[in-house]
Amino acid sequence: TVYRLDEIQEWKAIRPGQTNADGR
């Protein structure tokens, strides 16, 4: 899961992902 620190110093979830068969 990717998060970005916003302007009020809180983590905002951007999007989930999953590694493929090659781990990427």
PDB file of all heavy atoms in Angstrom:
ATOM      1  N   THR A   1       0.848  -1.190   0.000  1.00  0.00           N
ATOM      2  CA  THR A   1       0.000   0.000   0.000  1.00  0.00           C
ATOM      3  C   THR A   1       0.882   1.238   0.000  1.00  0.00           C
ATOM      4  O   THR A   1       1.848   1.310   0.763  1.00  0.00           O
ATOM      5  CB  THR A   1      -0.925   0.023   1.242  1.00  0.00           C
ATOM      6  OG1 THR A   1      -1.645  -1.207   1.309  1.00  0.00           O
ATOM      7  CG2 THR A   1      -1.903   1.179   1.166  1.00  0.00           C
ATOM      8  N   VAL A   2       0.559   2.199  -0.868  1.00  0.00           N
ATOM      9  CA  VAL A   2       1.321   3.444  -0.973  1.00  0.00           C
ATOM     10  C   VAL A   2       0.552   4.560  -0.270  1.00  0.00           C
ATOM     11  O   VAL A   2      -0.651   4.726  -0.483  1.00  0.00           O
ATOM     12  CB  VAL A   2       1.536   3.848  -2.443  1.00  0.00           C
ATOM     13  CG1 VAL A   2       2.335   5.143  -2.538  1.00  0.00           C
ATOM     14  CG2 VAL A   2       2.216   2.742  -3.208  1.00  0.00           C
ATOM     15  N   TYR A   3       1.274   5.316   0.550  1.00  0.00           N
ATOM     16  CA  TYR A   3       0.722   6.475   1.250  1.00  0.00           C
ATOM     17  C   TYR A   3       1.576   7.695   0.908  1.00  0.00           C
ATOM     18  O   TYR A   3       2.759   7.563   0.597  1.00  0.00           O
ATOM     19  CB  TYR A   3       0.774   6.280   2.766  1.00  0.00           C
ATOM     20  CG  TYR A   3      -0.001   5.109   3.275  1.00  0.00           C
ATOM     21  CD1 TYR A   3       0.557   3.838   3.291  1.00  0.00           C
ATOM     22  CD2 TYR A   3      -1.294   5.267   3.765  1.00  0.00           C
ATOM     23  CE1 TYR A   3      -0.148   2.751   3.774  1.00  0.00           C
ATOM     24  CE2 TYR A   3      -2.013   4.179   4.252  1.00  0.00           C
ATOM     25  CZ  TYR A   3      -1.428   2.921   4.254  1.00  0.00           C
ATOM     26  OH  TYR A   3      -2.131   1.846   4.737  1.00  0.00           O
ATOM     27  N   ARG A   4       0.972   8.879   1.018  1.00  0.00           N
ATOM     28  CA  ARG A   4       1.702  10.138   0.844  1.00  0.00           C
ATOM     29  C   ARG A   4       1.441  11.000   2.073  1.00  0.00           C
ATOM     30  O   ARG A   4       0.305  11.099   2.541  1.00  0.00           O
ATOM     31  CB  ARG A   4       1.245  10.870  -0.409  1.00  0.00           C
ATOM     32  CG  ARG A   4       2.062  12.117  -0.717  1.00  0.00           C
ATOM     33  CD  ARG A   4       1.696  12.664  -2.108  1.00  0.00           C
ATOM     34  NE  ARG A   4       2.573  13.731  -2.482  1.00  0.00           N
ATOM     35  CZ  ARG A   4       2.391  14.999  -2.128  1.00  0.00           C
ATOM     36  NH1 ARG A   4       1.353  15.357  -1.403  1.00  0.00           N
ATOM     37  NH2 ARG A   4       3.245  15.922  -2.525  1.00  0.00           N
ATOM     38  N   LEU A   5       2.487  11.617   2.598  1.00  0.00           N
ATOM     39  CA  LEU A   5       2.340  12.507   3.747  1.00  0.00           C
ATOM     40  C   LEU A   5       1.729  13.817   3.254  1.00  0.00           C
ATOM     41  O   LEU A   5       2.284  14.485   2.377  1.00  0.00           O
ATOM     42  CB  LEU A   5       3.705  12.752   4.395  1.00  0.00           C
ATOM     43  CG  LEU A   5       3.704  13.410   5.762  1.00  0.00           C
ATOM     44  CD1 LEU A   5       3.013  12.524   6.796  1.00  0.00           C
ATOM     45  CD2 LEU A   5       5.135  13.698   6.201  1.00  0.00           C
ATOM     46  N   ASP A   6       0.569  14.183   3.803  1.00  0.00           N
ATOM     47  CA  ASP A   6      -0.105  15.382   3.313  1.00  0.00           C
ATOM     48  C   ASP A   6       0.363  16.637   4.051  1.00  0.00           C
ATOM     49  O   ASP A   6       1.245  16.585   4.908  1.00  0.00           O
ATOM     50  CB  ASP A   6      -1.630  15.222   3.354  1.00  0.00           C
ATOM     51  CG  ASP A   6      -2.209  15.135   4.758  1.00  0.00           C
ATOM     52  OD1 ASP A   6      -1.518  15.482   5.746  1.00  0.00           O
ATOM     53  OD2 ASP A   6      -3.383  14.722   4.888  1.00  0.00           O
ATOM     54  N   GLU A   7      -0.255  17.754   3.724  1.00  0.00           N
ATOM     55  CA  GLU A   7       0.181  19.057   4.250  1.00  0.00           C
ATOM     56  C   GLU A   7      -0.048  19.210   5.749  1.00  0.00           C
ATOM     57  O   GLU A   7       0.548  20.073   6.384  1.00  0.00           O
ATOM     58  CB  GLU A   7      -0.482  20.205   3.482  1.00  0.00           C
ATOM     59  CG  GLU A   7      -1.991  20.186   3.479  1.00  0.00           C
ATOM     60  CD  GLU A   7      -2.605  19.238   2.444  1.00  0.00           C
ATOM     61  OE1 GLU A   7      -1.899  18.770   1.530  1.00  0.00           O
ATOM     62  OE2 GLU A   7      -3.800  18.951   2.574  1.00  0.00           O
ATOM     63  N   ILE A   8      -0.902  18.383   6.335  1.00  0.00           N
ATOM     64  CA  ILE A   8      -1.100  18.454   7.791  1.00  0.00           C
ATOM     65  C   ILE A   8      -0.397  17.281   8.499  1.00  0.00           C
ATOM     66  O   ILE A   8      -0.744  16.918   9.617  1.00  0.00           O
ATOM     67  CB  ILE A   8      -2.599  18.536   8.172  1.00  0.00           C
ATOM     68  CG1 ILE A   8      -3.373  17.331   7.649  1.00  0.00           C
ATOM     69  CG2 ILE A   8      -3.209  19.834   7.690  1.00  0.00           C
ATOM     70  CD1 ILE A   8      -4.802  17.255   8.159  1.00  0.00           C
ATOM     71  N   GLN A   9       0.595  16.710   7.812  1.00  0.00           N
ATOM     72  CA  GLN A   9       1.462  15.661   8.362  1.00  0.00           C
ATOM     73  C   GLN A   9       0.704  14.385   8.735  1.00  0.00           C
ATOM     74  O   GLN A   9       1.014  13.741   9.736  1.00  0.00           O
ATOM     75  CB  GLN A   9       2.266  16.193   9.557  1.00  0.00           C
ATOM     76  CG  GLN A   9       3.138  17.392   9.217  1.00  0.00           C
ATOM     77  CD  GLN A   9       4.173  17.061   8.142  1.00  0.00           C
ATOM     78  OE1 GLN A   9       5.037  16.231   8.358  1.00  0.00           O
ATOM     79  NE2 GLN A   9       4.081  17.703   6.993  1.00  0.00           N
ATOM     80  N   GLU A  10      -0.265  14.025   7.905  1.00  0.00           N
ATOM     81  CA  GLU A  10      -0.985  12.769   8.073  1.00  0.00           C
ATOM     82  C   GLU A  10      -0.811  11.930   6.813  1.00  0.00           C
ATOM     83  O   GLU A  10      -0.745  12.473   5.705  1.00  0.00           O
ATOM     84  CB  GLU A  10      -2.471  13.023   8.339  1.00  0.00           C
ATOM     85  CG  GLU A  10      -2.727  13.685   9.672  1.00  0.00           C
ATOM     86  CD  GLU A  10      -4.212  13.904   9.953  1.00  0.00           C
ATOM     87  OE1 GLU A  10      -5.052  13.591   9.082  1.00  0.00           O
ATOM     88  OE2 GLU A  10      -4.517  14.398  11.045  1.00  0.00           O
ATOM     89  N   TRP A  11      -0.754  10.616   6.992  1.00  0.00           N
ATOM     90  CA  TRP A  11      -0.597   9.713   5.857  1.00  0.00           C
ATOM     91  C   TRP A  11      -1.930   9.535   5.139  1.00  0.00           C
ATOM     92  O   TRP A  11      -2.931   9.222   5.760  1.00  0.00           O
ATOM     93  CB  TRP A  11      -0.074   8.356   6.312  1.00  0.00           C
ATOM     94  CG  TRP A  11       1.330   8.398   6.815  1.00  0.00           C
ATOM     95  CD1 TRP A  11       1.735   8.237   8.101  1.00  0.00           C
ATOM     96  CD2 TRP A  11       2.505   8.650   6.044  1.00  0.00           C
ATOM     97  NE1 TRP A  11       3.104   8.364   8.173  1.00  0.00           N
ATOM     98  CE2 TRP A  11       3.600   8.616   6.925  1.00  0.00           C
ATOM     99  CE3 TRP A  11       2.756   8.903   4.699  1.00  0.00           C
ATOM    100  CZ2 TRP A  11       4.913   8.816   6.509  1.00  0.00           C
ATOM    101  CZ3 TRP A  11       4.057   9.105   4.282  1.00  0.00           C
ATOM    102  CH2 TRP A  11       5.118   9.057   5.168  1.00  0.00           C
ATOM    103  N   LYS A  12      -1.912   9.732   3.834  1.00  0.00           N
ATOM    104  CA  LYS A  12      -3.095   9.546   3.000  1.00  0.00           C
ATOM    105  C   LYS A  12      -2.835   8.352   2.084  1.00  0.00           C
ATOM    106  O   LYS A  12      -1.864   8.337   1.324  1.00  0.00           O
ATOM    107  CB  LYS A  12      -3.357  10.793   2.163  1.00  0.00           C
ATOM    108  CG  LYS A  12      -4.538  10.656   1.244  1.00  0.00           C
ATOM    109  CD  LYS A  12      -4.725  11.882   0.380  1.00  0.00           C
ATOM    110  CE  LYS A  12      -5.860  11.652  -0.595  1.00  0.00           C
ATOM    111  NZ  LYS A  12      -5.909  12.691  -1.604  1.00  0.00           N
ATOM    112  N   ALA A  13      -3.704   7.343   2.176  1.00  0.00           N
ATOM    113  CA  ALA A  13      -3.559   6.168   1.309  1.00  0.00           C
ATOM    114  C   ALA A  13      -3.786   6.578  -0.141  1.00  0.00           C
ATOM    115  O   ALA A  13      -4.760   7.258  -0.456  1.00  0.00           O
ATOM    116  CB  ALA A  13      -4.546   5.087   1.722  1.00  0.00           C
ATOM    117  N   ILE A  14      -2.870   6.192  -0.998  1.00  0.00           N
ATOM    118  CA  ILE A  14      -2.965   6.520  -2.424  1.00  0.00           C
ATOM    119  C   ILE A  14      -3.562   5.343  -3.199  1.00  0.00           C
ATOM    120  O   ILE A  14      -4.511   5.506  -3.942  1.00  0.00           O
ATOM    121  CB  ILE A  14      -1.586   6.878  -3.013  1.00  0.00           C
ATOM    122  CG1 ILE A  14      -0.942   8.020  -2.242  1.00  0.00           C
ATOM    123  CG2 ILE A  14      -1.685   7.195  -4.496  1.00  0.00           C
ATOM    124  CD1 ILE A  14      -1.676   9.326  -2.334  1.00  0.00           C
ATOM    125  N   ARG A  15      -2.957   4.163  -3.016  1.00  0.00           N
ATOM    126  CA  ARG A  15      -3.469   2.985  -3.721  1.00  0.00           C
ATOM    127  C   ARG A  15      -2.804   1.719  -3.217  1.00  0.00           C
ATOM    128  O   ARG A  15      -1.664   1.741  -2.804  1.00  0.00           O
ATOM    129  CB  ARG A  15      -3.278   3.116  -5.210  1.00  0.00           C
ATOM    130  CG  ARG A  15      -1.954   2.679  -5.747  1.00  0.00           C
ATOM    131  CD  ARG A  15      -1.989   2.310  -7.232  1.00  0.00           C
ATOM    132  NE  ARG A  15      -2.904   3.106  -7.968  1.00  0.00           N
ATOM    133  CZ  ARG A  15      -2.566   4.020  -8.849  1.00  0.00           C
ATOM    134  NH1 ARG A  15      -1.310   4.254  -9.107  1.00  0.00           N
ATOM    135  NH2 ARG A  15      -3.482   4.705  -9.485  1.00  0.00           N
ATOM    136  N   PRO A  16      -3.539   0.610  -3.299  1.00  0.00           N
ATOM    137  CA  PRO A  16      -2.920  -0.681  -3.012  1.00  0.00           C
ATOM    138  C   PRO A  16      -2.334  -1.272  -4.295  1.00  0.00           C
ATOM    139  O   PRO A  16      -2.744  -0.914  -5.405  1.00  0.00           O
ATOM    140  CB  PRO A  16      -4.094  -1.527  -2.514  1.00  0.00           C
ATOM    141  CG  PRO A  16      -5.272  -0.961  -3.251  1.00  0.00           C
ATOM    142  CD  PRO A  16      -4.977   0.517  -3.422  1.00  0.00           C
ATOM    143  N   GLY A  17      -1.405  -2.155  -4.129  1.00  0.00           N
ATOM    144  CA  GLY A  17      -0.826  -2.887  -5.246  1.00  0.00           C
ATOM    145  C   GLY A  17      -0.430  -4.267  -4.771  1.00  0.00           C
ATOM    146  O   GLY A  17      -0.608  -4.607  -3.596  1.00  0.00           O
ATOM    147  N   GLN A  18       0.110  -5.069  -5.688  1.00  0.00           N
ATOM    148  CA  GLN A  18       0.542  -6.413  -5.326  1.00  0.00           C
ATOM    149  C   GLN A  18       1.690  -6.813  -6.237  1.00  0.00           C
ATOM    150  O   GLN A  18       1.642  -6.550  -7.448  1.00  0.00           O
ATOM    151  CB  GLN A  18      -0.624  -7.391  -5.477  1.00  0.00           C
ATOM    152  CG  GLN A  18      -0.300  -8.790  -5.022  1.00  0.00           C
ATOM    153  CD  GLN A  18      -1.539  -9.646  -4.942  1.00  0.00           C
ATOM    154  OE1 GLN A  18      -2.515  -9.253  -4.328  1.00  0.00           O
ATOM    155  NE2 GLN A  18      -1.499 -10.812  -5.550  1.00  0.00           N
ATOM    156  N   THR A  19       2.694  -7.458  -5.657  1.00  0.00           N
ATOM    157  CA  THR A  19       3.823  -7.887  -6.473  1.00  0.00           C
ATOM    158  C   THR A  19       3.392  -9.002  -7.421  1.00  0.00           C
ATOM    159  O   THR A  19       2.563  -9.846  -7.086  1.00  0.00           O
ATOM    160  CB  THR A  19       5.006  -8.358  -5.601  1.00  0.00           C
ATOM    161  OG1 THR A  19       4.585  -9.444  -4.771  1.00  0.00           O
ATOM    162  CG2 THR A  19       5.551  -7.230  -4.744  1.00  0.00           C
ATOM    163  N   ASN A  20       3.985  -8.988  -8.600  1.00  0.00           N
ATOM    164  CA  ASN A  20       3.674 -10.002  -9.607  1.00  0.00           C
ATOM    165  C   ASN A  20       4.564 -11.238  -9.391  1.00  0.00           C
ATOM    166  O   ASN A  20       5.274 -11.331  -8.386  1.00  0.00           O
ATOM    167  CB  ASN A  20       3.812  -9.421 -11.019  1.00  0.00           C
ATOM    168  CG  ASN A  20       5.237  -8.989 -11.357  1.00  0.00           C
ATOM    169  OD1 ASN A  20       6.197  -9.357 -10.683  1.00  0.00           O
ATOM    170  ND2 ASN A  20       5.376  -8.198 -12.407  1.00  0.00           N
ATOM    171  N   ALA A  21       4.533 -12.163 -10.321  1.00  0.00           N
ATOM    172  CA  ALA A  21       5.304 -13.409 -10.196  1.00  0.00           C
ATOM    173  C   ALA A  21       6.802 -13.157 -10.108  1.00  0.00           C
ATOM    174  O   ALA A  21       7.542 -13.969  -9.544  1.00  0.00           O
ATOM    175  CB  ALA A  21       4.991 -14.335 -11.370  1.00  0.00           C
ATOM    176  N   ASP A  22       7.257 -12.028 -10.643  1.00  0.00           N
ATOM    177  CA  ASP A  22       8.668 -11.655 -10.603  1.00  0.00           C
ATOM    178  C   ASP A  22       8.988 -10.792  -9.373  1.00  0.00           C
ATOM    179  O   ASP A  22      10.086 -10.277  -9.248  1.00  0.00           O
ATOM    180  CB  ASP A  22       9.032 -10.919 -11.895  1.00  0.00           C
ATOM    181  CG  ASP A  22      10.528 -10.785 -12.107  1.00  0.00           C
ATOM    182  OD1 ASP A  22      11.273 -11.683 -11.665  1.00  0.00           O
ATOM    183  OD2 ASP A  22      10.952  -9.767 -12.687  1.00  0.00           O
ATOM    184  N   GLY A  23       8.011 -10.594  -8.482  1.00  0.00           N
ATOM    185  CA  GLY A  23       8.222  -9.804  -7.274  1.00  0.00           C
ATOM    186  C   GLY A  23       8.185  -8.300  -7.501  1.00  0.00           C
ATOM    187  O   GLY A  23       8.537  -7.533  -6.625  1.00  0.00           O
ATOM    188  N   ARG A  24       7.742  -7.872  -8.679  1.00  0.00           N
ATOM    189  CA  ARG A  24       7.746  -6.445  -9.035  1.00  0.00           C
ATOM    190  C   ARG A  24       6.334  -5.858  -9.001  1.00  0.00           C
ATOM    191  O   ARG A  24       5.354  -6.566  -9.186  1.00  0.00           O
ATOM    192  CB  ARG A  24       8.329  -6.253 -10.433  1.00  0.00           C
ATOM    193  CG  ARG A  24       9.770  -6.681 -10.538  1.00  0.00           C
ATOM    194  CD  ARG A  24      10.293  -6.537 -11.970  1.00  0.00           C
ATOM    195  NE  ARG A  24      11.633  -7.035 -12.073  1.00  0.00           N
ATOM    196  CZ  ARG A  24      12.732  -6.326 -11.809  1.00  0.00           C
ATOM    197  NH1 ARG A  24      12.615  -5.057 -11.442  1.00  0.00           N
ATOM    198  NH2 ARG A  24      13.927  -6.854 -11.916  1.00  0.00           N
TER     199      ARG A  24
END
